[in-house]
């Protein structure tokens, strides 16, 4: 069973009827994030790893870190953290 919960998140049921989600993307980051990524360069630095008995490519640790930090560059993401979790992004003055 498959049904979209957004434009790129699909929910599935495994053989035990446990739900799991797959989030599909056609680009590394939307255009409105603060820095572009060259997909060809990301793939050149990708590293093979084993997943469920198959060998797949995964991002290098350095590229993965940059990509995981990208949402913090978005003002709306920082606002959501502040409002929902009480997390502050105040700048400390020197």
N, C-alpha and C. Protein backbone atom coordinates (compact mmCIF):
# COMPACT_ATOMS: atom_id res chain seq x y z
N UNK A 1 0.85 -1.18 0.00
CA UNK A 1 0.00 0.00 0.00
C UNK A 1 0.89 1.24 0.00
N UNK A 2 0.56 2.18 -0.86
CA UNK A 2 1.34 3.41 -0.94
C UNK A 2 0.37 4.59 -1.03
N UNK A 3 0.68 5.63 -0.29
CA UNK A 3 -0.11 6.85 -0.39
C UNK A 3 0.76 8.03 0.01
N UNK A 4 0.70 9.10 -0.75
CA UNK A 4 1.57 10.25 -0.45
C UNK A 4 1.03 11.06 0.72
N UNK A 5 1.93 11.47 1.63
CA UNK A 5 1.54 12.36 2.71
C UNK A 5 1.98 13.79 2.41
N UNK A 6 2.79 13.96 1.38
CA UNK A 6 3.16 15.27 0.86
C UNK A 6 3.62 15.05 -0.56
N UNK A 7 4.20 16.07 -1.17
CA UNK A 7 4.60 15.91 -2.55
C UNK A 7 5.74 14.93 -2.75
N UNK A 8 6.52 14.64 -1.69
CA UNK A 8 7.64 13.71 -1.87
C UNK A 8 7.83 12.71 -0.75
N UNK A 9 6.87 12.59 0.15
CA UNK A 9 6.94 11.58 1.20
C UNK A 9 5.87 10.52 0.93
N UNK A 10 6.31 9.27 0.86
CA UNK A 10 5.39 8.17 0.62
C UNK A 10 5.45 7.21 1.79
N UNK A 11 4.29 6.75 2.19
CA UNK A 11 4.20 5.81 3.31
C UNK A 11 3.92 4.42 2.77
N UNK A 12 4.60 3.45 3.36
CA UNK A 12 4.45 2.05 2.99
C UNK A 12 4.17 1.24 4.25
N UNK A 13 3.72 0.02 4.05
CA UNK A 13 3.59 -0.94 5.14
C UNK A 13 4.54 -2.09 4.82
N UNK A 14 5.32 -2.51 5.82
CA UNK A 14 6.22 -3.64 5.60
C UNK A 14 5.45 -4.95 5.78
N UNK A 15 6.18 -6.05 5.70
CA UNK A 15 5.51 -7.36 5.77
C UNK A 15 4.82 -7.61 7.12
N UNK A 16 5.21 -6.88 8.17
CA UNK A 16 4.56 -7.00 9.48
C UNK A 16 3.44 -5.98 9.65
N UNK A 17 3.14 -5.25 8.57
CA UNK A 17 2.12 -4.19 8.58
C UNK A 17 2.56 -2.98 9.41
N UNK A 18 3.88 -2.83 9.59
CA UNK A 18 4.43 -1.66 10.28
C UNK A 18 4.67 -0.56 9.25
N UNK A 19 4.23 0.67 9.55
CA UNK A 19 4.41 1.75 8.58
C UNK A 19 5.85 2.26 8.55
N UNK A 20 6.29 2.69 7.38
CA UNK A 20 7.56 3.40 7.24
C UNK A 20 7.42 4.38 6.08
N UNK A 21 8.26 5.41 6.09
CA UNK A 21 8.18 6.45 5.08
C UNK A 21 9.45 6.49 4.23
N UNK A 22 9.27 6.84 2.98
CA UNK A 22 10.38 7.08 2.07
C UNK A 22 10.20 8.50 1.54
N UNK A 23 11.23 9.29 1.68
CA UNK A 23 11.18 10.68 1.21
C UNK A 23 12.04 10.80 -0.04
N UNK A 24 11.39 11.09 -1.16
CA UNK A 24 12.07 11.16 -2.45
C UNK A 24 12.36 12.61 -2.82
N UNK A 25 13.56 12.84 -3.32
CA UNK A 25 13.96 14.18 -3.77
C UNK A 25 14.58 14.08 -5.14
N UNK A 26 14.38 15.10 -5.97
CA UNK A 26 15.03 15.13 -7.28
C UNK A 26 16.20 16.10 -7.30
N UNK A 27 16.43 16.80 -6.20
CA UNK A 27 17.60 17.66 -6.07
C UNK A 27 18.05 17.64 -4.61
N UNK A 28 19.29 18.02 -4.39
CA UNK A 28 19.84 17.96 -3.03
C UNK A 28 19.18 18.99 -2.14
N UNK A 29 18.96 20.19 -2.68
CA UNK A 29 18.38 21.26 -1.88
C UNK A 29 17.51 22.14 -2.77
N UNK A 30 16.44 22.67 -2.23
CA UNK A 30 15.63 23.61 -3.01
C UNK A 30 16.43 24.87 -3.36
N UNK A 31 16.00 25.57 -4.35
CA UNK A 31 16.71 26.76 -4.83
C UNK A 31 16.85 27.83 -3.77
N UNK A 32 15.93 27.88 -2.79
CA UNK A 32 15.95 28.98 -1.83
C UNK A 32 16.92 28.77 -0.66
N UNK A 33 17.62 27.64 -0.61
CA UNK A 33 18.62 27.48 0.43
C UNK A 33 19.86 28.28 0.10
N UNK A 34 20.71 28.49 1.07
CA UNK A 34 21.78 29.49 0.97
C UNK A 34 22.93 29.12 0.05
N UNK A 35 23.11 27.86 -0.31
CA UNK A 35 24.23 27.53 -1.18
C UNK A 35 23.86 26.36 -2.08
N UNK A 36 24.33 26.41 -3.32
CA UNK A 36 24.02 25.34 -4.27
C UNK A 36 24.97 24.15 -4.11
N UNK A 37 24.52 23.00 -4.56
CA UNK A 37 25.36 21.81 -4.58
C UNK A 37 25.51 21.33 -6.00
N UNK A 38 26.71 20.94 -6.36
CA UNK A 38 26.96 20.34 -7.66
C UNK A 38 26.77 18.83 -7.51
N UNK A 39 25.69 18.32 -8.09
CA UNK A 39 25.35 16.90 -7.93
C UNK A 39 26.45 16.00 -8.46
N UNK A 40 27.08 16.38 -9.57
CA UNK A 40 28.16 15.56 -10.12
C UNK A 40 29.31 15.43 -9.13
N UNK A 41 29.65 16.53 -8.46
CA UNK A 41 30.72 16.48 -7.47
C UNK A 41 30.33 15.63 -6.27
N UNK A 42 29.07 15.73 -5.85
CA UNK A 42 28.60 14.88 -4.73
C UNK A 42 28.75 13.40 -5.09
N UNK A 43 28.38 13.05 -6.30
CA UNK A 43 28.47 11.65 -6.72
C UNK A 43 29.91 11.19 -6.85
N UNK A 44 30.81 12.09 -7.26
CA UNK A 44 32.24 11.72 -7.35
C UNK A 44 32.80 11.39 -5.97
N UNK A 45 32.31 12.07 -4.94
CA UNK A 45 32.81 11.85 -3.58
C UNK A 45 32.01 10.78 -2.82
N UNK A 46 30.94 10.28 -3.41
CA UNK A 46 30.10 9.28 -2.75
C UNK A 46 30.90 8.01 -2.47
N UNK A 47 30.49 7.31 -1.43
CA UNK A 47 31.21 6.11 -1.00
C UNK A 47 30.27 4.91 -0.99
N UNK A 48 30.74 3.74 -1.41
CA UNK A 48 29.88 2.56 -1.38
C UNK A 48 29.65 2.07 0.05
N UNK A 49 28.45 1.60 0.29
CA UNK A 49 28.12 0.99 1.58
C UNK A 49 27.11 -0.12 1.34
N UNK A 50 26.94 -0.99 2.31
CA UNK A 50 26.00 -2.10 2.17
C UNK A 50 24.67 -1.74 2.82
N UNK A 51 23.59 -2.02 2.09
CA UNK A 51 22.25 -1.76 2.60
C UNK A 51 21.35 -2.92 2.19
N UNK A 52 20.87 -3.66 3.17
CA UNK A 52 19.98 -4.80 2.93
C UNK A 52 20.58 -5.78 1.92
N UNK A 53 21.88 -6.00 2.02
CA UNK A 53 22.54 -6.96 1.16
C UNK A 53 22.96 -6.44 -0.19
N UNK A 54 22.69 -5.17 -0.46
CA UNK A 54 23.08 -4.57 -1.74
C UNK A 54 24.11 -3.48 -1.48
N UNK A 55 24.96 -3.22 -2.45
CA UNK A 55 25.92 -2.14 -2.35
C UNK A 55 25.31 -0.89 -2.99
N UNK A 56 25.25 0.18 -2.22
CA UNK A 56 24.69 1.45 -2.69
C UNK A 56 25.69 2.56 -2.39
N UNK A 57 25.52 3.68 -3.07
CA UNK A 57 26.37 4.84 -2.80
C UNK A 57 25.74 5.70 -1.71
N UNK A 58 26.57 6.23 -0.85
CA UNK A 58 26.11 7.15 0.18
C UNK A 58 27.01 8.38 0.15
N UNK A 59 26.52 9.47 0.68
CA UNK A 59 27.29 10.71 0.67
C UNK A 59 28.53 10.57 1.53
N UNK A 60 29.57 11.31 1.16
CA UNK A 60 30.77 11.35 2.00
C UNK A 60 30.38 12.01 3.33
N UNK A 61 31.10 11.73 4.40
CA UNK A 61 30.75 12.34 5.69
C UNK A 61 30.73 13.87 5.64
N UNK A 62 31.64 14.47 4.89
CA UNK A 62 31.70 15.94 4.80
C UNK A 62 30.47 16.50 4.09
N UNK A 63 30.08 15.86 2.98
CA UNK A 63 28.90 16.31 2.24
C UNK A 63 27.63 16.09 3.07
N UNK A 64 27.55 14.96 3.74
CA UNK A 64 26.38 14.67 4.57
C UNK A 64 26.22 15.72 5.67
N UNK A 65 27.32 16.11 6.30
CA UNK A 65 27.26 17.12 7.35
C UNK A 65 26.72 18.44 6.80
N UNK A 66 27.23 18.87 5.66
CA UNK A 66 26.73 20.12 5.06
C UNK A 66 25.24 20.04 4.75
N UNK A 67 24.82 18.93 4.19
CA UNK A 67 23.41 18.78 3.81
C UNK A 67 22.51 18.73 5.04
N UNK A 68 22.95 18.05 6.09
CA UNK A 68 22.14 17.98 7.31
C UNK A 68 22.05 19.34 8.01
N UNK A 69 23.04 20.20 7.81
CA UNK A 69 23.03 21.53 8.43
C UNK A 69 22.23 22.54 7.62
N UNK A 70 21.94 22.24 6.37
CA UNK A 70 21.27 23.20 5.50
C UNK A 70 19.96 23.77 6.05
N UNK A 71 19.09 22.98 6.64
CA UNK A 71 17.83 23.56 7.14
C UNK A 71 18.03 24.70 8.13
N UNK A 72 19.14 24.68 8.87
CA UNK A 72 19.39 25.74 9.84
C UNK A 72 19.64 27.09 9.18
N UNK A 73 19.91 27.09 7.87
CA UNK A 73 20.11 28.35 7.16
C UNK A 73 18.79 29.03 6.81
N UNK A 74 17.70 28.34 6.98
CA UNK A 74 16.39 28.87 6.65
C UNK A 74 15.79 29.61 7.85
N UNK A 75 15.42 30.88 7.67
CA UNK A 75 14.79 31.62 8.78
C UNK A 75 13.52 30.96 9.28
N UNK A 76 12.72 30.36 8.40
CA UNK A 76 11.48 29.73 8.87
C UNK A 76 11.78 28.50 9.74
N UNK A 77 12.85 27.76 9.43
CA UNK A 77 13.23 26.61 10.24
C UNK A 77 13.65 27.07 11.64
N UNK A 78 14.46 28.13 11.69
CA UNK A 78 14.90 28.65 12.99
C UNK A 78 13.71 29.18 13.77
N UNK A 79 12.77 29.84 13.11
CA UNK A 79 11.57 30.35 13.79
C UNK A 79 10.75 29.20 14.35
N UNK A 80 10.57 28.13 13.55
CA UNK A 80 9.81 26.96 14.02
C UNK A 80 10.47 26.34 15.25
N UNK A 81 11.80 26.23 15.25
CA UNK A 81 12.49 25.68 16.42
C UNK A 81 12.27 26.56 17.63
N UNK A 82 12.35 27.87 17.43
CA UNK A 82 12.17 28.80 18.55
C UNK A 82 10.76 28.70 19.12
N UNK A 83 9.77 28.69 18.23
CA UNK A 83 8.38 28.69 18.69
C UNK A 83 7.95 27.35 19.28
N UNK A 84 8.37 26.25 18.67
CA UNK A 84 7.88 24.94 19.08
C UNK A 84 8.73 24.25 20.15
N UNK A 85 10.02 24.54 20.16
CA UNK A 85 10.91 23.84 21.10
C UNK A 85 11.58 24.77 22.09
N UNK A 86 11.36 26.06 21.95
CA UNK A 86 12.01 27.01 22.85
C UNK A 86 13.49 27.14 22.60
N UNK A 87 13.95 26.73 21.42
CA UNK A 87 15.36 26.78 21.07
C UNK A 87 15.69 28.18 20.57
N UNK A 88 16.72 28.80 21.09
CA UNK A 88 17.05 30.17 20.74
C UNK A 88 18.25 30.24 19.81
N UNK A 89 18.16 31.13 18.83
CA UNK A 89 19.28 31.38 17.92
C UNK A 89 19.83 32.77 18.14
N UNK A 90 19.85 33.23 19.36
CA UNK A 90 20.34 34.57 19.65
C UNK A 90 21.83 34.64 19.38
N UNK A 91 22.26 35.78 18.88
CA UNK A 91 23.68 36.02 18.65
C UNK A 91 24.28 36.63 19.92
N UNK A 92 25.39 36.10 20.32
CA UNK A 92 26.09 36.63 21.48
C UNK A 92 27.01 37.75 21.01
N UNK A 93 26.99 38.87 21.70
CA UNK A 93 27.88 39.96 21.33
C UNK A 93 29.24 39.78 21.99
N UNK A 94 30.25 40.23 21.30
CA UNK A 94 31.63 40.07 21.80
C UNK A 94 31.99 41.15 22.79
